[in-house]
Amino acid sequence: MFLSRKLQMGRGLLLSMPFVWGGLVPMAIAQGLMGNLQVEIVGLRDRSGDICLNLFDRADGFPHDREKAKARQCLTLAEQPEDTPIVVTFADLPVGNYAISLFHDHNQDGVLNRGEFGIPSEGFGFSNNAPVRTGPPRFGHAMILVAGQTPITVQVRYSLQ
């Protein structure tokens, strides 16, 4: 009896959480609150070429359509000190949900090159280190909440040798 009462109380608390969180983000947006997203990139094979990131604030276009991205940044890796982490910051973002897609543009041609069967031949990654199965992840799997200073780490993956 005691256990079932605890479960009922816990279930009520869990069921109320979406209402609390659902109310915080619209309220923050209405008040014009801003945040910064700091993306640390790990797992690069080398520091040649560029690392290019796309920031999306909705599913439309994620992860490949750079024209539909809210913001884009590319860094030339050779210009970054060898012994420091690669960190890219997207500043002054309205509080809300975002997703990152990135690629290691090894040959600096501005696109994620692909090999046979459309498999990427350059490194790539997603926020939340969203899983890649038979294709890229959905926006919801890569989505993160940006509020205040929001640091994330993205692991670069390489499919083909």
N, C-alpha and C. Protein backbone atom coordinates (compact mmCIF):
# COMPACT_ATOMS: atom_id res chain seq x y z
N MET A 1 0.83 -1.19 0.00
CA MET A 1 0.00 0.00 0.00
C MET A 1 0.88 1.26 0.00
N PHE A 2 1.86 1.29 0.88
CA PHE A 2 2.77 2.43 0.95
C PHE A 2 3.49 2.65 -0.38
N LEU A 3 3.96 1.56 -0.99
CA LEU A 3 4.67 1.65 -2.26
C LEU A 3 3.76 2.19 -3.35
N SER A 4 2.52 1.69 -3.42
CA SER A 4 1.63 2.16 -4.48
C SER A 4 1.30 3.64 -4.30
N ARG A 5 1.19 4.12 -3.04
CA ARG A 5 0.93 5.54 -2.80
C ARG A 5 2.12 6.38 -3.27
N LYS A 6 3.34 5.91 -3.00
CA LYS A 6 4.54 6.63 -3.45
C LYS A 6 4.59 6.70 -4.97
N LEU A 7 4.26 5.58 -5.63
CA LEU A 7 4.26 5.58 -7.08
C LEU A 7 3.23 6.54 -7.63
N GLN A 8 2.05 6.59 -7.01
CA GLN A 8 1.03 7.52 -7.47
C GLN A 8 1.50 8.96 -7.31
N MET A 9 2.12 9.26 -6.16
CA MET A 9 2.63 10.62 -5.94
C MET A 9 3.71 10.94 -6.95
N GLY A 10 4.62 10.01 -7.18
CA GLY A 10 5.69 10.22 -8.14
C GLY A 10 5.18 10.40 -9.54
N ARG A 11 4.16 9.61 -9.91
CA ARG A 11 3.58 9.71 -11.25
C ARG A 11 2.97 11.09 -11.44
N GLY A 12 2.29 11.60 -10.42
CA GLY A 12 1.69 12.94 -10.51
C GLY A 12 2.76 14.00 -10.72
N LEU A 13 3.86 13.88 -10.02
CA LEU A 13 4.96 14.82 -10.17
C LEU A 13 5.54 14.74 -11.58
N LEU A 14 5.76 13.52 -12.06
CA LEU A 14 6.31 13.37 -13.40
C LEU A 14 5.36 13.89 -14.46
N LEU A 15 4.07 13.64 -14.28
CA LEU A 15 3.11 14.11 -15.27
C LEU A 15 3.01 15.63 -15.29
N SER A 16 3.29 16.28 -14.17
CA SER A 16 3.21 17.74 -14.14
C SER A 16 4.45 18.40 -14.73
N MET A 17 5.57 17.69 -14.84
CA MET A 17 6.81 18.29 -15.34
C MET A 17 6.69 18.91 -16.73
N PRO A 18 6.01 18.25 -17.72
CA PRO A 18 5.93 18.90 -19.03
C PRO A 18 5.24 20.26 -18.97
N PHE A 19 4.28 20.41 -18.04
CA PHE A 19 3.60 21.69 -17.94
C PHE A 19 4.54 22.75 -17.40
N VAL A 20 5.38 22.38 -16.43
CA VAL A 20 6.36 23.32 -15.90
C VAL A 20 7.36 23.70 -16.97
N TRP A 21 7.99 22.70 -17.60
CA TRP A 21 9.00 23.00 -18.62
C TRP A 21 8.37 23.66 -19.84
N GLY A 22 7.16 23.20 -20.18
CA GLY A 22 6.48 23.78 -21.33
C GLY A 22 6.18 25.26 -21.14
N GLY A 23 6.01 25.68 -19.89
CA GLY A 23 5.74 27.07 -19.60
C GLY A 23 6.98 27.93 -19.50
N LEU A 24 8.11 27.35 -19.14
CA LEU A 24 9.34 28.13 -18.95
C LEU A 24 9.89 28.68 -20.25
N VAL A 25 9.96 27.86 -21.28
CA VAL A 25 10.57 28.30 -22.54
C VAL A 25 9.76 29.42 -23.18
N PRO A 26 8.42 29.28 -23.36
CA PRO A 26 7.68 30.40 -23.94
C PRO A 26 7.79 31.68 -23.10
N MET A 27 7.80 31.53 -21.76
CA MET A 27 7.93 32.69 -20.89
C MET A 27 9.28 33.37 -21.11
N ALA A 28 10.36 32.57 -21.23
CA ALA A 28 11.70 33.12 -21.45
C ALA A 28 11.78 33.83 -22.80
N ILE A 29 11.16 33.24 -23.81
CA ILE A 29 11.16 33.87 -25.14
C ILE A 29 10.41 35.18 -25.09
N ALA A 30 9.25 35.18 -24.41
CA ALA A 30 8.44 36.40 -24.31
C ALA A 30 9.20 37.51 -23.60
N GLN A 31 10.05 37.15 -22.66
CA GLN A 31 10.81 38.16 -21.93
C GLN A 31 12.10 38.55 -22.66
N GLY A 32 12.37 37.94 -23.80
CA GLY A 32 13.54 38.29 -24.59
C GLY A 32 14.85 37.80 -24.01
N LEU A 33 14.83 36.73 -23.22
CA LEU A 33 16.06 36.21 -22.64
C LEU A 33 16.93 35.59 -23.72
N MET A 34 18.23 35.74 -23.55
CA MET A 34 19.18 35.26 -24.54
C MET A 34 20.12 34.25 -23.92
N GLY A 35 20.76 33.46 -24.78
CA GLY A 35 21.72 32.48 -24.31
C GLY A 35 22.86 32.33 -25.30
N ASN A 36 23.91 31.65 -24.87
CA ASN A 36 25.06 31.34 -25.71
C ASN A 36 25.24 29.83 -25.75
N LEU A 37 25.49 29.30 -26.91
CA LEU A 37 25.75 27.88 -27.08
C LEU A 37 27.23 27.70 -27.40
N GLN A 38 27.94 26.99 -26.52
CA GLN A 38 29.36 26.72 -26.72
C GLN A 38 29.50 25.25 -27.11
N VAL A 39 30.00 25.00 -28.31
CA VAL A 39 30.13 23.65 -28.84
C VAL A 39 31.60 23.26 -28.84
N GLU A 40 31.95 22.29 -28.01
CA GLU A 40 33.30 21.73 -28.04
C GLU A 40 33.28 20.53 -28.96
N ILE A 41 34.25 20.47 -29.87
CA ILE A 41 34.30 19.42 -30.88
C ILE A 41 35.45 18.49 -30.54
N VAL A 42 35.14 17.21 -30.38
CA VAL A 42 36.14 16.20 -30.02
C VAL A 42 36.15 15.09 -31.06
N GLY A 43 37.26 14.38 -31.12
CA GLY A 43 37.35 13.22 -32.00
C GLY A 43 37.83 13.50 -33.41
N LEU A 44 38.36 14.69 -33.66
CA LEU A 44 38.89 14.99 -34.99
C LEU A 44 40.12 14.12 -35.26
N ARG A 45 40.21 13.57 -36.45
CA ARG A 45 41.38 12.75 -36.82
C ARG A 45 42.64 13.59 -36.94
N ASP A 46 42.47 14.80 -37.44
CA ASP A 46 43.61 15.70 -37.61
C ASP A 46 43.08 17.12 -37.67
N ARG A 47 43.98 18.06 -37.79
CA ARG A 47 43.58 19.46 -37.85
C ARG A 47 43.84 20.06 -39.23
N SER A 48 43.49 19.30 -40.24
CA SER A 48 43.57 19.83 -41.60
C SER A 48 42.16 20.15 -42.07
N GLY A 49 42.05 21.09 -42.97
CA GLY A 49 40.74 21.46 -43.49
C GLY A 49 39.99 22.38 -42.54
N ASP A 50 38.67 22.33 -42.66
CA ASP A 50 37.78 23.19 -41.86
C ASP A 50 36.85 22.30 -41.03
N ILE A 51 36.28 22.91 -40.00
CA ILE A 51 35.16 22.30 -39.29
C ILE A 51 33.99 23.26 -39.49
N CYS A 52 32.89 22.76 -40.02
CA CYS A 52 31.74 23.61 -40.35
C CYS A 52 30.53 23.17 -39.53
N LEU A 53 29.88 24.12 -38.89
CA LEU A 53 28.73 23.86 -38.05
C LEU A 53 27.51 24.59 -38.58
N ASN A 54 26.37 23.93 -38.47
CA ASN A 54 25.08 24.51 -38.83
C ASN A 54 24.20 24.46 -37.59
N LEU A 55 23.58 25.57 -37.24
CA LEU A 55 22.68 25.66 -36.10
C LEU A 55 21.25 25.80 -36.62
N PHE A 56 20.40 24.87 -36.20
CA PHE A 56 19.00 24.89 -36.62
C PHE A 56 18.11 25.16 -35.42
N ASP A 57 17.04 25.93 -35.66
CA ASP A 57 16.07 26.18 -34.59
C ASP A 57 14.73 25.51 -34.88
N ARG A 58 14.69 24.68 -35.91
CA ARG A 58 13.48 23.90 -36.24
C ARG A 58 13.89 22.71 -37.11
N ALA A 59 12.98 21.78 -37.26
CA ALA A 59 13.27 20.55 -37.99
C ALA A 59 13.42 20.80 -39.49
N ASP A 60 12.75 21.80 -40.01
CA ASP A 60 12.79 22.07 -41.45
C ASP A 60 14.23 22.34 -41.89
N GLY A 61 14.76 21.46 -42.73
CA GLY A 61 16.11 21.61 -43.27
C GLY A 61 17.19 20.85 -42.51
N PHE A 62 16.91 20.46 -41.27
CA PHE A 62 17.92 19.74 -40.47
C PHE A 62 18.14 18.36 -41.06
N PRO A 63 19.37 17.89 -41.20
CA PRO A 63 20.63 18.51 -40.83
C PRO A 63 21.43 19.07 -42.00
N HIS A 64 20.94 18.92 -43.24
CA HIS A 64 21.79 19.20 -44.40
C HIS A 64 21.59 20.55 -45.07
N ASP A 65 20.40 21.13 -44.99
CA ASP A 65 20.11 22.33 -45.77
C ASP A 65 20.68 23.57 -45.07
N ARG A 66 21.88 23.93 -45.44
CA ARG A 66 22.57 25.05 -44.81
C ARG A 66 21.81 26.37 -44.98
N GLU A 67 21.04 26.49 -46.04
CA GLU A 67 20.27 27.71 -46.28
C GLU A 67 19.15 27.88 -45.27
N LYS A 68 18.69 26.80 -44.67
CA LYS A 68 17.61 26.87 -43.68
C LYS A 68 18.15 26.91 -42.25
N ALA A 69 19.47 26.87 -42.10
CA ALA A 69 20.06 26.96 -40.77
C ALA A 69 19.90 28.38 -40.24
N LYS A 70 19.71 28.49 -38.94
CA LYS A 70 19.61 29.81 -38.30
C LYS A 70 20.96 30.51 -38.34
N ALA A 71 22.05 29.73 -38.18
CA ALA A 71 23.40 30.29 -38.21
C ALA A 71 24.37 29.23 -38.68
N ARG A 72 25.49 29.68 -39.24
CA ARG A 72 26.55 28.76 -39.72
C ARG A 72 27.89 29.35 -39.34
N GLN A 73 28.83 28.46 -39.07
CA GLN A 73 30.21 28.90 -38.81
C GLN A 73 31.16 27.83 -39.33
N CYS A 74 32.25 28.27 -39.93
CA CYS A 74 33.35 27.38 -40.33
C CYS A 74 34.64 27.93 -39.75
N LEU A 75 35.45 27.04 -39.21
CA LEU A 75 36.77 27.40 -38.71
C LEU A 75 37.82 26.65 -39.50
N THR A 76 38.91 27.33 -39.83
CA THR A 76 40.04 26.66 -40.44
C THR A 76 40.85 26.04 -39.31
N LEU A 77 40.94 24.72 -39.31
CA LEU A 77 41.55 24.00 -38.20
C LEU A 77 43.04 24.27 -38.06
N ALA A 78 43.75 24.49 -39.17
CA ALA A 78 45.19 24.75 -39.11
C ALA A 78 45.50 26.04 -38.35
N GLU A 79 44.53 26.95 -38.27
CA GLU A 79 44.73 28.22 -37.57
C GLU A 79 44.50 28.09 -36.07
N GLN A 80 44.00 26.94 -35.61
CA GLN A 80 43.72 26.72 -34.19
C GLN A 80 44.95 26.10 -33.52
N PRO A 81 45.32 26.59 -32.34
CA PRO A 81 46.47 26.01 -31.64
C PRO A 81 46.28 24.51 -31.40
N GLU A 82 47.32 23.76 -31.66
CA GLU A 82 47.26 22.29 -31.61
C GLU A 82 46.88 21.74 -30.24
N ASP A 83 47.30 22.41 -29.18
CA ASP A 83 47.08 21.87 -27.84
C ASP A 83 45.83 22.43 -27.15
N THR A 84 44.94 23.08 -27.89
CA THR A 84 43.71 23.62 -27.30
C THR A 84 42.48 22.94 -27.91
N PRO A 85 41.42 22.84 -27.13
CA PRO A 85 40.20 22.26 -27.68
C PRO A 85 39.59 23.17 -28.75
N ILE A 86 38.86 22.56 -29.65
CA ILE A 86 38.13 23.32 -30.67
C ILE A 86 36.77 23.66 -30.08
N VAL A 87 36.50 24.95 -29.90
CA VAL A 87 35.23 25.40 -29.34
C VAL A 87 34.67 26.48 -30.25
N VAL A 88 33.41 26.31 -30.62
CA VAL A 88 32.71 27.29 -31.45
C VAL A 88 31.53 27.80 -30.63
N THR A 89 31.35 29.12 -30.60
CA THR A 89 30.26 29.72 -29.82
C THR A 89 29.26 30.38 -30.74
N PHE A 90 28.00 30.09 -30.49
CA PHE A 90 26.89 30.81 -31.11
C PHE A 90 26.33 31.70 -30.01
N ALA A 91 26.52 33.02 -30.16
CA ALA A 91 26.16 33.97 -29.10
C ALA A 91 24.82 34.63 -29.36
N ASP A 92 24.24 35.11 -28.29
CA ASP A 92 23.00 35.91 -28.33
C ASP A 92 21.85 35.21 -29.04
N LEU A 93 21.62 33.97 -28.65
CA LEU A 93 20.50 33.20 -29.19
C LEU A 93 19.28 33.38 -28.29
N PRO A 94 18.10 33.56 -28.85
CA PRO A 94 16.91 33.56 -28.01
C PRO A 94 16.80 32.20 -27.31
N VAL A 95 16.40 32.21 -26.05
CA VAL A 95 16.23 30.95 -25.32
C VAL A 95 15.28 30.07 -26.12
N GLY A 96 15.68 28.80 -26.31
CA GLY A 96 14.83 27.88 -27.06
C GLY A 96 15.56 26.60 -27.41
N ASN A 97 14.92 25.81 -28.26
CA ASN A 97 15.46 24.52 -28.69
C ASN A 97 16.21 24.67 -30.00
N TYR A 98 17.39 24.03 -30.05
CA TYR A 98 18.25 24.09 -31.22
C TYR A 98 18.87 22.71 -31.46
N ALA A 99 19.43 22.54 -32.65
CA ALA A 99 20.19 21.33 -32.97
C ALA A 99 21.38 21.74 -33.84
N ILE A 100 22.49 21.04 -33.64
CA ILE A 100 23.73 21.30 -34.39
C ILE A 100 24.01 20.11 -35.30
N SER A 101 24.40 20.41 -36.52
CA SER A 101 25.02 19.41 -37.39
C SER A 101 26.38 19.99 -37.78
N LEU A 102 27.38 19.14 -37.87
CA LEU A 102 28.71 19.63 -38.24
C LEU A 102 29.40 18.60 -39.11
N PHE A 103 30.41 19.07 -39.84
CA PHE A 103 31.23 18.16 -40.62
C PHE A 103 32.66 18.66 -40.70
N HIS A 104 33.59 17.71 -40.80
CA HIS A 104 35.01 18.00 -40.95
C HIS A 104 35.27 18.09 -42.44
N ASP A 105 35.31 19.31 -42.94
CA ASP A 105 35.49 19.56 -44.37
C ASP A 105 36.98 19.46 -44.70
N HIS A 106 37.43 18.25 -44.79
CA HIS A 106 38.86 17.96 -44.94
C HIS A 106 39.45 18.63 -46.17
N ASN A 107 38.72 18.62 -47.30
CA ASN A 107 39.25 19.19 -48.54
C ASN A 107 38.80 20.63 -48.77
N GLN A 108 38.11 21.24 -47.80
CA GLN A 108 37.69 22.63 -47.84
C GLN A 108 36.88 23.00 -49.08
N ASP A 109 35.98 22.09 -49.49
CA ASP A 109 35.13 22.41 -50.64
C ASP A 109 33.73 22.87 -50.22
N GLY A 110 33.47 22.97 -48.92
CA GLY A 110 32.21 23.51 -48.43
C GLY A 110 31.06 22.54 -48.37
N VAL A 111 31.30 21.27 -48.66
CA VAL A 111 30.22 20.27 -48.61
C VAL A 111 30.72 19.02 -47.89
N LEU A 112 29.77 18.28 -47.32
CA LEU A 112 30.09 16.98 -46.73
C LEU A 112 30.18 15.98 -47.87
N ASN A 113 31.40 15.58 -48.20
CA ASN A 113 31.59 14.65 -49.31
C ASN A 113 31.12 13.26 -48.92
N ARG A 114 30.63 12.55 -49.92
CA ARG A 114 30.09 11.21 -49.70
C ARG A 114 30.73 10.22 -50.66
N GLY A 115 30.81 8.99 -50.20
CA GLY A 115 31.33 7.92 -51.02
C GLY A 115 30.20 7.11 -51.61
N GLU A 116 30.51 5.87 -51.84
CA GLU A 116 29.53 4.95 -52.39
C GLU A 116 28.31 4.83 -51.48
N PHE A 117 27.14 4.73 -52.06
CA PHE A 117 25.87 4.58 -51.35
C PHE A 117 25.52 5.79 -50.48
N GLY A 118 26.16 6.93 -50.71
CA GLY A 118 25.84 8.15 -49.97
C GLY A 118 26.43 8.22 -48.58
N ILE A 119 27.34 7.31 -48.26
CA ILE A 119 27.95 7.30 -46.93
C ILE A 119 29.00 8.41 -46.86
N PRO A 120 28.95 9.24 -45.81
CA PRO A 120 29.92 10.35 -45.71
C PRO A 120 31.36 9.85 -45.71
N SER A 121 32.18 10.53 -46.50
CA SER A 121 33.61 10.20 -46.53
C SER A 121 34.42 11.19 -45.68
N GLU A 122 33.73 12.18 -45.10
CA GLU A 122 34.36 13.12 -44.18
C GLU A 122 33.65 12.97 -42.83
N GLY A 123 34.31 13.43 -41.78
CA GLY A 123 33.74 13.33 -40.44
C GLY A 123 32.49 14.19 -40.29
N PHE A 124 31.61 13.77 -39.39
CA PHE A 124 30.36 14.49 -39.15
C PHE A 124 29.95 14.29 -37.69
N GLY A 125 29.02 15.10 -37.22
CA GLY A 125 28.53 14.96 -35.86
C GLY A 125 27.26 15.76 -35.65
N PHE A 126 26.58 15.46 -34.54
CA PHE A 126 25.31 16.10 -34.21
C PHE A 126 25.27 16.40 -32.72
N SER A 127 24.54 17.44 -32.35
CA SER A 127 24.32 17.72 -30.94
C SER A 127 23.64 16.51 -30.30
N ASN A 128 23.84 16.36 -29.00
CA ASN A 128 23.37 15.19 -28.25
C ASN A 128 24.06 13.92 -28.72
N ASN A 129 25.04 14.04 -29.60
CA ASN A 129 25.67 12.87 -30.22
C ASN A 129 24.59 11.90 -30.66
N ALA A 130 23.56 12.48 -31.29
CA ALA A 130 22.39 11.72 -31.73
C ALA A 130 22.82 10.54 -32.59
N PRO A 131 22.19 9.40 -32.38
CA PRO A 131 22.59 8.20 -33.12
C PRO A 131 22.28 8.28 -34.61
N VAL A 132 23.18 7.69 -35.39
CA VAL A 132 23.01 7.61 -36.84
C VAL A 132 22.81 6.14 -37.16
N ARG A 133 21.68 5.83 -37.74
CA ARG A 133 21.40 4.43 -38.07
C ARG A 133 21.41 4.27 -39.59
N THR A 134 20.26 4.35 -40.20
CA THR A 134 20.20 4.21 -41.65
C THR A 134 20.21 5.57 -42.35
N GLY A 135 20.34 6.61 -41.58
CA GLY A 135 20.39 7.96 -42.12
C GLY A 135 20.64 8.93 -40.99
N PRO A 136 20.64 10.21 -41.28
CA PRO A 136 20.91 11.19 -40.23
C PRO A 136 19.78 11.19 -39.18
N PRO A 137 20.09 11.66 -37.98
CA PRO A 137 19.06 11.70 -36.94
C PRO A 137 18.02 12.78 -37.24
N ARG A 138 16.90 12.66 -36.57
CA ARG A 138 15.86 13.69 -36.66
C ARG A 138 16.22 14.85 -35.72
N PHE A 139 15.63 15.98 -36.00
CA PHE A 139 15.85 17.18 -35.20
C PHE A 139 15.61 16.89 -33.72
N GLY A 140 14.54 16.20 -33.40
CA GLY A 140 14.19 15.92 -32.01
C GLY A 140 15.24 15.12 -31.26
N HIS A 141 15.97 14.26 -31.97
CA HIS A 141 17.02 13.47 -31.32
C HIS A 141 18.28 14.29 -31.05
N ALA A 142 18.48 15.34 -31.81
CA ALA A 142 19.67 16.19 -31.66
C ALA A 142 19.36 17.48 -30.89
N MET A 143 18.11 17.70 -30.57
CA MET A 143 17.66 18.95 -29.98
C MET A 143 18.21 19.15 -28.56
N ILE A 144 18.61 20.39 -28.30
CA ILE A 144 19.08 20.80 -26.97
C ILE A 144 18.41 22.12 -26.62
N LEU A 145 18.25 22.36 -25.34
CA LEU A 145 17.70 23.62 -24.86
C LEU A 145 18.85 24.57 -24.58
N VAL A 146 18.80 25.74 -25.20
CA VAL A 146 19.81 26.78 -24.95
C VAL A 146 19.16 27.83 -24.05
N ALA A 147 19.76 27.98 -22.87
CA ALA A 147 19.31 28.98 -21.90
C ALA A 147 20.53 29.39 -21.09
N GLY A 148 20.87 30.65 -21.11
CA GLY A 148 22.08 31.10 -20.43
C GLY A 148 23.31 30.58 -21.16
N GLN A 149 24.36 30.25 -20.40
CA GLN A 149 25.56 29.65 -20.99
C GLN A 149 25.29 28.15 -21.12
N THR A 150 25.27 27.63 -22.33
CA THR A 150 24.97 26.23 -22.56
C THR A 150 26.14 25.56 -23.27
N PRO A 151 26.97 24.81 -22.53
CA PRO A 151 28.08 24.09 -23.17
C PRO A 151 27.65 22.69 -23.57
N ILE A 152 28.07 22.27 -24.76
CA ILE A 152 27.84 20.89 -25.20
C ILE A 152 29.13 20.36 -25.83
N THR A 153 29.21 19.06 -25.95
CA THR A 153 30.34 18.42 -26.63
C THR A 153 29.78 17.57 -27.75
N VAL A 154 30.38 17.69 -28.94
CA VAL A 154 29.97 16.89 -30.09
C VAL A 154 31.14 16.03 -30.53
N GLN A 155 30.91 14.75 -30.63
CA GLN A 155 31.89 13.76 -31.08
C GLN A 155 31.84 13.66 -32.60
N VAL A 156 32.98 13.86 -33.26
CA VAL A 156 33.04 13.71 -34.72
C VAL A 156 33.17 12.22 -35.01
N ARG A 157 32.39 11.75 -35.97
CA ARG A 157 32.42 10.34 -36.38
C ARG A 157 32.88 10.25 -37.83
N TYR A 158 33.56 9.18 -38.12
CA TYR A 158 34.05 8.93 -39.48
C TYR A 158 33.52 7.57 -39.91
N SER A 159 32.85 7.55 -41.06
CA SER A 159 32.26 6.29 -41.56
C SER A 159 33.23 5.51 -42.40
N LEU A 160 33.89 6.19 -43.33
CA LEU A 160 34.78 5.52 -44.29
C LEU A 160 36.23 5.85 -43.99
N GLN A 161 37.10 4.92 -44.27
CA GLN A 161 38.53 5.15 -44.04
C GLN A 161 39.16 5.83 -45.23
